[in-house]
Amino acid sequence: MEKLLGFSNGALLASTVGLLATILLAYPFASALPMAGQIVAHIGTLIFATGIKISYVARLVSLKQLGRPVH
């Protein structure tokens, strides 16, 4: 479970950074991207948001299995 906790924390960080990057690309910098780039940025926003949710649930499961407090 320690391995899952480490992976979940890393995935949570990576998903958060990816979400922030795709939000910036999809909205403030949309005029600098071609239509295909905007589509990819919007799809990436959905994918990274889902990654945050899945990695957070995996983190909670691993914390519970390890007997650590779940906040």
N, C-alpha and C. Protein backbone atom coordinates (compact mmCIF):
# COMPACT_ATOMS: atom_id res chain seq x y z
N MET A 1 0.80 -1.21 0.00
CA MET A 1 0.00 0.00 0.00
C MET A 1 0.84 1.28 0.00
N GLU A 2 2.05 1.18 0.53
CA GLU A 2 2.95 2.35 0.49
C GLU A 2 3.24 2.74 -0.96
N LYS A 3 3.38 1.72 -1.80
CA LYS A 3 3.67 1.96 -3.21
C LYS A 3 2.49 2.67 -3.87
N LEU A 4 1.28 2.22 -3.54
CA LEU A 4 0.07 2.85 -4.10
C LEU A 4 -0.05 4.29 -3.62
N LEU A 5 0.29 4.53 -2.36
CA LEU A 5 0.22 5.89 -1.82
C LEU A 5 1.21 6.81 -2.56
N GLY A 6 2.41 6.34 -2.77
CA GLY A 6 3.40 7.14 -3.51
C GLY A 6 2.96 7.41 -4.94
N PHE A 7 2.44 6.37 -5.59
CA PHE A 7 1.96 6.54 -6.96
C PHE A 7 0.79 7.51 -7.01
N SER A 8 -0.13 7.39 -6.05
CA SER A 8 -1.30 8.26 -6.01
C SER A 8 -0.91 9.71 -5.80
N ASN A 9 0.04 9.95 -4.91
CA ASN A 9 0.51 11.32 -4.67
C ASN A 9 1.16 11.89 -5.93
N GLY A 10 1.96 11.10 -6.60
CA GLY A 10 2.60 11.55 -7.83
C GLY A 10 1.58 11.81 -8.94
N ALA A 11 0.61 10.92 -9.06
CA ALA A 11 -0.43 11.09 -10.07
C ALA A 11 -1.29 12.31 -9.78
N LEU A 12 -1.54 12.56 -8.50
CA LEU A 12 -2.31 13.74 -8.12
C LEU A 12 -1.57 15.01 -8.49
N LEU A 13 -0.28 15.04 -8.24
CA LEU A 13 0.53 16.21 -8.60
C LEU A 13 0.58 16.40 -10.12
N ALA A 14 0.84 15.31 -10.84
CA ALA A 14 0.93 15.40 -12.30
C ALA A 14 -0.40 15.81 -12.92
N SER A 15 -1.49 15.28 -12.40
CA SER A 15 -2.81 15.64 -12.92
C SER A 15 -3.15 17.10 -12.65
N THR A 16 -2.76 17.58 -11.49
CA THR A 16 -3.02 18.99 -11.15
C THR A 16 -2.22 19.92 -12.07
N VAL A 17 -0.96 19.60 -12.28
CA VAL A 17 -0.14 20.42 -13.18
C VAL A 17 -0.69 20.37 -14.61
N GLY A 18 -1.07 19.17 -15.05
CA GLY A 18 -1.65 19.02 -16.38
C GLY A 18 -2.95 19.78 -16.53
N LEU A 19 -3.78 19.74 -15.50
CA LEU A 19 -5.05 20.46 -15.55
C LEU A 19 -4.81 21.97 -15.65
N LEU A 20 -3.90 22.48 -14.85
CA LEU A 20 -3.60 23.91 -14.91
C LEU A 20 -3.06 24.31 -16.28
N ALA A 21 -2.20 23.47 -16.84
CA ALA A 21 -1.64 23.77 -18.17
C ALA A 21 -2.72 23.77 -19.24
N THR A 22 -3.60 22.77 -19.21
CA THR A 22 -4.63 22.71 -20.24
C THR A 22 -5.67 23.81 -20.07
N ILE A 23 -5.94 24.22 -18.85
CA ILE A 23 -6.87 25.35 -18.64
C ILE A 23 -6.27 26.62 -19.22
N LEU A 24 -4.97 26.82 -18.98
CA LEU A 24 -4.32 28.01 -19.54
C LEU A 24 -4.33 27.98 -21.07
N LEU A 25 -4.07 26.81 -21.63
CA LEU A 25 -4.08 26.70 -23.09
C LEU A 25 -5.48 26.84 -23.67
N ALA A 26 -6.47 26.31 -22.97
CA ALA A 26 -7.83 26.29 -23.51
C ALA A 26 -8.52 27.64 -23.41
N TYR A 27 -8.15 28.46 -22.44
CA TYR A 27 -8.89 29.71 -22.25
C TYR A 27 -8.06 30.97 -22.50
N PRO A 28 -7.09 31.34 -21.66
CA PRO A 28 -6.39 32.61 -21.92
C PRO A 28 -5.55 32.61 -23.20
N PHE A 29 -4.97 31.46 -23.56
CA PHE A 29 -4.09 31.41 -24.72
C PHE A 29 -4.75 30.74 -25.92
N ALA A 30 -6.06 30.65 -25.93
CA ALA A 30 -6.77 29.96 -27.02
C ALA A 30 -6.54 30.63 -28.37
N SER A 31 -6.39 31.95 -28.37
CA SER A 31 -6.21 32.65 -29.64
C SER A 31 -4.86 32.33 -30.30
N ALA A 32 -3.91 31.83 -29.52
CA ALA A 32 -2.60 31.49 -30.07
C ALA A 32 -2.56 30.07 -30.62
N LEU A 33 -3.61 29.30 -30.40
CA LEU A 33 -3.63 27.91 -30.84
C LEU A 33 -4.55 27.73 -32.04
N PRO A 34 -4.21 26.80 -32.93
CA PRO A 34 -5.15 26.47 -34.00
C PRO A 34 -6.34 25.70 -33.41
N MET A 35 -7.36 25.50 -34.20
CA MET A 35 -8.57 24.84 -33.71
C MET A 35 -8.27 23.44 -33.15
N ALA A 36 -7.40 22.69 -33.82
CA ALA A 36 -7.06 21.35 -33.33
C ALA A 36 -6.38 21.43 -31.95
N GLY A 37 -5.54 22.42 -31.75
CA GLY A 37 -4.90 22.60 -30.45
C GLY A 37 -5.89 22.94 -29.36
N GLN A 38 -6.88 23.75 -29.69
CA GLN A 38 -7.92 24.10 -28.72
C GLN A 38 -8.76 22.88 -28.35
N ILE A 39 -9.05 22.05 -29.35
CA ILE A 39 -9.82 20.83 -29.07
C ILE A 39 -9.04 19.91 -28.15
N VAL A 40 -7.76 19.74 -28.43
CA VAL A 40 -6.91 18.89 -27.58
C VAL A 40 -6.82 19.45 -26.17
N ALA A 41 -6.72 20.77 -26.04
CA ALA A 41 -6.64 21.39 -24.72
C ALA A 41 -7.92 21.17 -23.93
N HIS A 42 -9.08 21.28 -24.58
CA HIS A 42 -10.34 21.05 -23.89
C HIS A 42 -10.51 19.59 -23.49
N ILE A 43 -10.12 18.68 -24.37
CA ILE A 43 -10.19 17.26 -24.02
C ILE A 43 -9.22 16.95 -22.89
N GLY A 44 -8.03 17.55 -22.93
CA GLY A 44 -7.05 17.36 -21.87
C GLY A 44 -7.57 17.85 -20.52
N THR A 45 -8.34 18.92 -20.53
CA THR A 45 -8.94 19.42 -19.28
C THR A 45 -9.83 18.34 -18.66
N LEU A 46 -10.64 17.70 -19.48
CA LEU A 46 -11.51 16.63 -18.97
C LEU A 46 -10.70 15.44 -18.46
N ILE A 47 -9.68 15.06 -19.20
CA ILE A 47 -8.87 13.90 -18.82
C ILE A 47 -8.10 14.15 -17.54
N PHE A 48 -7.48 15.31 -17.42
CA PHE A 48 -6.70 15.61 -16.21
C PHE A 48 -7.61 15.79 -14.99
N ALA A 49 -8.80 16.33 -15.17
CA ALA A 49 -9.73 16.44 -14.04
C ALA A 49 -10.15 15.05 -13.56
N THR A 50 -10.35 14.14 -14.49
CA THR A 50 -10.67 12.77 -14.11
C THR A 50 -9.49 12.11 -13.40
N GLY A 51 -8.28 12.40 -13.86
CA GLY A 51 -7.08 11.87 -13.21
C GLY A 51 -6.96 12.34 -11.77
N ILE A 52 -7.33 13.58 -11.51
CA ILE A 52 -7.30 14.09 -10.14
C ILE A 52 -8.26 13.29 -9.26
N LYS A 53 -9.45 13.06 -9.76
CA LYS A 53 -10.46 12.33 -8.97
C LYS A 53 -10.04 10.90 -8.69
N ILE A 54 -9.53 10.22 -9.72
CA ILE A 54 -9.13 8.82 -9.54
C ILE A 54 -7.93 8.71 -8.62
N SER A 55 -6.94 9.57 -8.77
CA SER A 55 -5.77 9.49 -7.91
C SER A 55 -6.10 9.86 -6.47
N TYR A 56 -7.06 10.77 -6.27
CA TYR A 56 -7.45 11.11 -4.91
C TYR A 56 -8.16 9.95 -4.23
N VAL A 57 -9.02 9.26 -4.96
CA VAL A 57 -9.70 8.08 -4.39
C VAL A 57 -8.68 6.99 -4.08
N ALA A 58 -7.72 6.76 -4.96
CA ALA A 58 -6.67 5.77 -4.70
C ALA A 58 -5.86 6.16 -3.47
N ARG A 59 -5.61 7.43 -3.30
CA ARG A 59 -4.87 7.92 -2.13
C ARG A 59 -5.65 7.65 -0.85
N LEU A 60 -6.96 7.92 -0.88
CA LEU A 60 -7.79 7.66 0.29
C LEU A 60 -7.83 6.18 0.64
N VAL A 61 -7.94 5.32 -0.37
CA VAL A 61 -7.97 3.88 -0.14
C VAL A 61 -6.66 3.42 0.49
N SER A 62 -5.54 3.88 -0.03
CA SER A 62 -4.25 3.46 0.52
C SER A 62 -4.05 3.97 1.94
N LEU A 63 -4.47 5.20 2.22
CA LEU A 63 -4.36 5.71 3.59
C LEU A 63 -5.19 4.91 4.55
N LYS A 64 -6.39 4.55 4.13
CA LYS A 64 -7.27 3.75 5.00
C LYS A 64 -6.68 2.37 5.25
N GLN A 65 -6.12 1.74 4.23
CA GLN A 65 -5.51 0.41 4.38
C GLN A 65 -4.27 0.45 5.27
N LEU A 66 -3.57 1.56 5.26
CA LEU A 66 -2.37 1.70 6.09
C LEU A 66 -2.71 2.12 7.51
N GLY A 67 -3.97 2.41 7.78
CA GLY A 67 -4.37 2.82 9.12
C GLY A 67 -4.04 4.26 9.45
N ARG A 68 -3.76 5.05 8.45
CA ARG A 68 -3.46 6.46 8.67
C ARG A 68 -4.74 7.27 8.62
N PRO A 69 -4.75 8.44 9.25
CA PRO A 69 -5.97 9.26 9.22
C PRO A 69 -6.32 9.73 7.81
N VAL A 70 -7.58 9.64 7.51
CA VAL A 70 -8.09 10.09 6.21
C VAL A 70 -8.85 11.37 6.47
N HIS A 71 -8.40 12.45 5.87
CA HIS A 71 -9.05 13.75 6.12
C HIS A 71 -9.95 14.10 4.97
